[in-house]
C-alpha atoms as a PDB file:
ATOM      1  CA  MET A   1      15.492  22.327 -11.301  1.00  0.00           C
ATOM      2  CA  ILE A   2      14.868  19.552  -8.721  1.00  0.00           C
ATOM      3  CA  GLY A   3      17.358  16.759  -8.367  1.00  0.00           C
ATOM      4  CA  TYR A   4      16.683  13.048  -8.534  1.00  0.00           C
ATOM      5  CA  ASP A   5      17.111  12.395  -4.901  1.00  0.00           C
ATOM      6  CA  GLU A   6      14.987  15.318  -3.945  1.00  0.00           C
ATOM      7  CA  LEU A   7      12.107  14.328  -6.374  1.00  0.00           C
ATOM      8  CA  GLU A   8      12.340  10.693  -5.118  1.00  0.00           C
ATOM      9  CA  ALA A   9      12.112  11.693  -1.398  1.00  0.00           C
ATOM     10  CA  SER A  10       9.251  14.166  -2.259  1.00  0.00           C
ATOM     11  CA  ILE A  11       7.433  11.425  -4.148  1.00  0.00           C
ATOM     12  CA  ALA A  12       8.097   8.962  -1.222  1.00  0.00           C
ATOM     13  CA  ALA A  13       6.739  11.431   1.380  1.00  0.00           C
ATOM     14  CA  VAL A  14       3.671  11.848  -0.685  1.00  0.00           C
ATOM     15  CA  TYR A  15       3.095   8.101  -1.259  1.00  0.00           C
ATOM     16  CA  ASP A  16       3.560   7.519   2.356  1.00  0.00           C
ATOM     17  CA  THR A  17       0.922   9.821   3.541  1.00  0.00           C
ATOM     18  CA  GLN A  18      -1.580   9.685   0.623  1.00  0.00           C
ATOM     19  CA  LEU A  19      -1.677   5.900  -0.444  1.00  0.00           C
ATOM     20  CA  SER A  20      -4.549   3.702   0.515  1.00  0.00           C
ATOM     21  CA  ILE A  21      -2.244   0.788   1.780  1.00  0.00           C
ATOM     22  CA  PRO A  22      -4.038  -1.729   3.695  1.00  0.00           C
ATOM     23  CA  PRO A  23      -3.111  -1.278   7.465  1.00  0.00           C
ATOM     24  CA  TRP A  24      -2.355  -5.004   7.686  1.00  0.00           C
ATOM     25  CA  TRP A  25       0.786  -4.888   5.654  1.00  0.00           C
ATOM     26  CA  PRO A  26       3.759  -5.306   7.466  1.00  0.00           C
ATOM     27  CA  THR A  27       5.854  -2.005   8.045  1.00  0.00           C
ATOM     28  CA  GLU A  28       8.884  -3.355   6.249  1.00  0.00           C
ATOM     29  CA  GLU A  29       6.533  -4.346   3.171  1.00  0.00           C
ATOM     30  CA  ARG A  30       4.940  -0.836   3.205  1.00  0.00           C
ATOM     31  CA  HIS A  31       8.327   0.795   3.275  1.00  0.00           C
ATOM     32  CA  THR A  32       9.812  -1.453   0.487  1.00  0.00           C
ATOM     33  CA  PHE A  33       6.702  -0.911  -1.696  1.00  0.00           C
ATOM     34  CA  ILE A  34       6.932   2.927  -1.284  1.00  0.00           C
ATOM     35  CA  ASP A  35      10.600   3.141  -1.976  1.00  0.00           C
ATOM     36  CA  GLU A  36      10.202   1.075  -5.086  1.00  0.00           C
ATOM     37  CA  MET A  37       7.408   2.693  -6.476  1.00  0.00           C
ATOM     38  CA  ALA A  38       8.792   6.337  -5.657  1.00  0.00           C
ATOM     39  CA  GLY A  39      12.065   5.107  -7.618  1.00  0.00           C
ATOM     40  CA  GLN A  40      10.093   3.791 -10.547  1.00  0.00           C
ATOM     41  CA  ALA A  41       8.063   7.151 -10.696  1.00  0.00           C
ATOM     42  CA  THR A  42      11.039   9.382 -10.277  1.00  0.00           C
ATOM     43  CA  GLY A  43      12.930   7.687 -13.024  1.00  0.00           C
ATOM     44  CA  LEU A  44       9.938   7.997 -15.282  1.00  0.00           C
ATOM     45  CA  VAL A  45       9.408  11.527 -14.654  1.00  0.00           C
ATOM     46  CA  MET A  46      13.023  12.640 -14.944  1.00  0.00           C
ATOM     47  CA  THR A  47      13.339  10.831 -18.152  1.00  0.00           C
ATOM     48  CA  GLU A  48      10.124  12.489 -19.474  1.00  0.00           C
ATOM     49  CA  LEU A  49      11.231  15.902 -18.392  1.00  0.00           C
ATOM     50  CA  ASP A  50      14.518  15.432 -20.126  1.00  0.00           C
ATOM     51  CA  ASP A  51      12.898  14.163 -23.335  1.00  0.00           C
ATOM     52  CA  ILE A  52      10.832  17.501 -23.192  1.00  0.00           C
ATOM     53  CA  VAL A  53      13.768  19.622 -23.004  1.00  0.00           C
ATOM     54  CA  ASP A  54      15.626  17.776 -25.743  1.00  0.00           C
ATOM     55  CA  ARG A  55      12.560  17.908 -28.030  1.00  0.00           C
ATOM     56  CA  ILE A  56      11.882  21.526 -27.608  1.00  0.00           C
ATOM     57  CA  ILE A  57      15.485  22.526 -28.018  1.00  0.00           C
ATOM     58  CA  ASP A  58      15.792  20.375 -31.150  1.00  0.00           C
ATOM     59  CA  GLN A  59      12.742  21.823 -32.539  1.00  0.00           C
ATOM     60  CA  ALA A  60      13.278  25.441 -31.616  1.00  0.00           C
ATOM     61  CA  ASP A  61      13.674  28.165 -34.213  1.00  0.00           C
ATOM     62  CA  PRO A  62      17.246  29.581 -33.968  1.00  0.00           C
ATOM     63  CA  THR A  63      15.532  32.997 -33.492  1.00  0.00           C
ATOM     64  CA  GLN A  64      13.596  32.188 -30.555  1.00  0.00           C
ATOM     65  CA  SER A  65      14.809  33.758 -27.409  1.00  0.00           C
ATOM     66  CA  ALA A  66      16.192  31.633 -24.528  1.00  0.00           C
ATOM     67  CA  ASP A  67      13.137  32.967 -22.261  1.00  0.00           C
ATOM     68  CA  ALA A  68      10.595  31.818 -25.028  1.00  0.00           C
ATOM     69  CA  ILE A  69      12.156  28.402 -25.252  1.00  0.00           C
ATOM     70  CA  ALA A  70      12.255  28.215 -21.393  1.00  0.00           C
ATOM     71  CA  ALA A  71       8.562  29.166 -21.185  1.00  0.00           C
ATOM     72  CA  ALA A  72       7.646  26.210 -23.828  1.00  0.00           C
ATOM     73  CA  ILE A  73       9.696  23.802 -21.839  1.00  0.00           C
ATOM     74  CA  THR A  74       7.963  24.748 -18.509  1.00  0.00           C
ATOM     75  CA  ALA A  75       4.503  24.728 -20.172  1.00  0.00           C
ATOM     76  CA  GLU A  76       4.948  21.183 -21.637  1.00  0.00           C
ATOM     77  CA  GLN A  77       6.437  19.884 -18.355  1.00  0.00           C
ATOM     78  CA  HIS A  78       3.503  20.913 -16.438  1.00  0.00           C
ATOM     79  CA  VAL A  79       1.214  19.181 -19.054  1.00  0.00           C
ATOM     80  CA  LEU A  80       3.245  15.965 -18.506  1.00  0.00           C
ATOM     81  CA  LEU A  81       3.233  16.092 -14.935  1.00  0.00           C
ATOM     82  CA  SER A  82      -0.640  16.560 -14.604  1.00  0.00           C
ATOM     83  CA  GLU A  83      -0.905  13.674 -17.244  1.00  0.00           C
ATOM     84  CA  ALA A  84       1.376  11.507 -15.352  1.00  0.00           C
ATOM     85  CA  ARG A  85      -0.362  12.090 -11.986  1.00  0.00           C
ATOM     86  CA  THR A  86      -3.665  10.148 -13.473  1.00  0.00           C
ATOM     87  CA  THR A  87      -1.450   7.432 -14.937  1.00  0.00           C
ATOM     88  CA  VAL A  88       0.688   7.079 -11.786  1.00  0.00           C
ATOM     89  CA  LEU A  89      -2.336   6.856  -9.398  1.00  0.00           C
ATOM     90  CA  TYR A  90      -4.001   4.039 -11.493  1.00  0.00           C
ATOM     91  CA  ASP A  91      -0.787   2.194 -11.705  1.00  0.00           C
ATOM     92  CA  LEU A  92      -0.247   2.490  -7.828  1.00  0.00           C
ATOM     93  CA  THR A  93      -3.922   1.267  -7.174  1.00  0.00           C
ATOM     94  CA  GLU A  94      -2.964  -1.807  -9.277  1.00  0.00           C
ATOM     95  CA  ALA A  95       0.411  -2.413  -7.640  1.00  0.00           C
ATOM     96  CA  ILE A  96      -1.289  -2.097  -4.170  1.00  0.00           C
ATOM     97  CA  ALA A  97      -3.914  -4.569  -5.031  1.00  0.00           C
ATOM     98  CA  ASP A  98      -1.343  -6.829  -6.635  1.00  0.00           C
ATOM     99  CA  THR A  99       0.762  -6.717  -3.532  1.00  0.00           C
ATOM    100  CA  SER A 100      -2.005  -7.100  -1.106  1.00  0.00           C
ATOM    101  CA  ALA A 101      -2.921 -10.520  -3.200  1.00  0.00           C
ATOM    102  CA  THR A 102       0.597 -11.581  -2.741  1.00  0.00           C
ATOM    103  CA  LEU A 103       0.885 -10.872   0.901  1.00  0.00           C
ATOM    104  CA  THR A 104      -2.470 -12.540   1.466  1.00  0.00           C
ATOM    105  CA  ALA A 105      -1.290 -15.653  -0.412  1.00  0.00           C
ATOM    106  CA  GLU A 106       1.932 -15.803   1.370  1.00  0.00           C
ATOM    107  CA  ALA A 107       0.254 -15.458   4.681  1.00  0.00           C
ATOM    108  CA  VAL A 108      -2.295 -18.339   3.775  1.00  0.00           C
ATOM    109  CA  PHE A 109       0.578 -20.499   2.501  1.00  0.00           C
ATOM    110  CA  ALA A 110       2.742 -19.827   5.694  1.00  0.00           C
ATOM    111  CA  HIS A 111      -0.236 -20.807   7.839  1.00  0.00           C
ATOM    112  CA  SER A 112      -1.117 -23.946   6.065  1.00  0.00           C
ATOM    113  CA  ARG A 113       2.587 -25.046   6.227  1.00  0.00           C
ATOM    114  CA  HIS A 114       2.220 -25.081  10.140  1.00  0.00           C
ATOM    115  CA  ARG A 115      -0.817 -27.277   9.655  1.00  0.00           C
ATOM    116  CA  GLY A 116      -0.891 -30.970   8.943  1.00  0.00           C
ATOM    117  CA  PRO A 117      -3.344 -33.177   7.084  1.00  0.00           C
ATOM    118  CA  LEU A 118      -6.886 -32.561   7.461  1.00  0.00           C
ATOM    119  CA  GLY A 119      -6.210 -29.075   8.818  1.00  0.00           C
ATOM    120  CA  ARG A 120      -4.741 -30.331  12.156  1.00  0.00           C
ATOM    121  CA  LEU A 121      -1.814 -28.396  13.605  1.00  0.00           C
ATOM    122  CA  SER A 122       1.471 -30.435  12.775  1.00  0.00           C
ATOM    123  CA  GLY A 123       2.307 -32.704  15.645  1.00  0.00           C
ATOM    124  CA  THR A 124      -0.981 -32.951  17.298  1.00  0.00           C
ATOM    125  CA  ARG A 125      -3.309 -36.138  17.505  1.00  0.00           C
ATOM    126  CA  PRO A 126      -7.129 -36.373  16.736  1.00  0.00           C
ATOM    127  CA  HIS A 127      -9.167 -37.000  19.811  1.00  0.00           C
END
């Protein structure tokens, strides 16, 4: 089974190449966003995969073979992963929009701090 760090790195690599992050995002913001979202997705996926194993083992008939239990776990994990892809993509689209709005607001606020009253640059006199 894949480990947490390997899964997180794989998810981050996919996000880095596949997400439609606006090109105007600062590089540091892009990397921070990808790392945070990959970490969240990894935690969610690993928890759900573990829950599947626990549930199937708890519900298994004692006469079932280990191979039958493993096959049931694998099948249910595949269903979970395909469902998670849709949910994660929607959540990421929302998160990108929210972060874009925040970055835009920060840029506007930073720009307006450099301007004085009436939109003039601070320290300049009207003509």
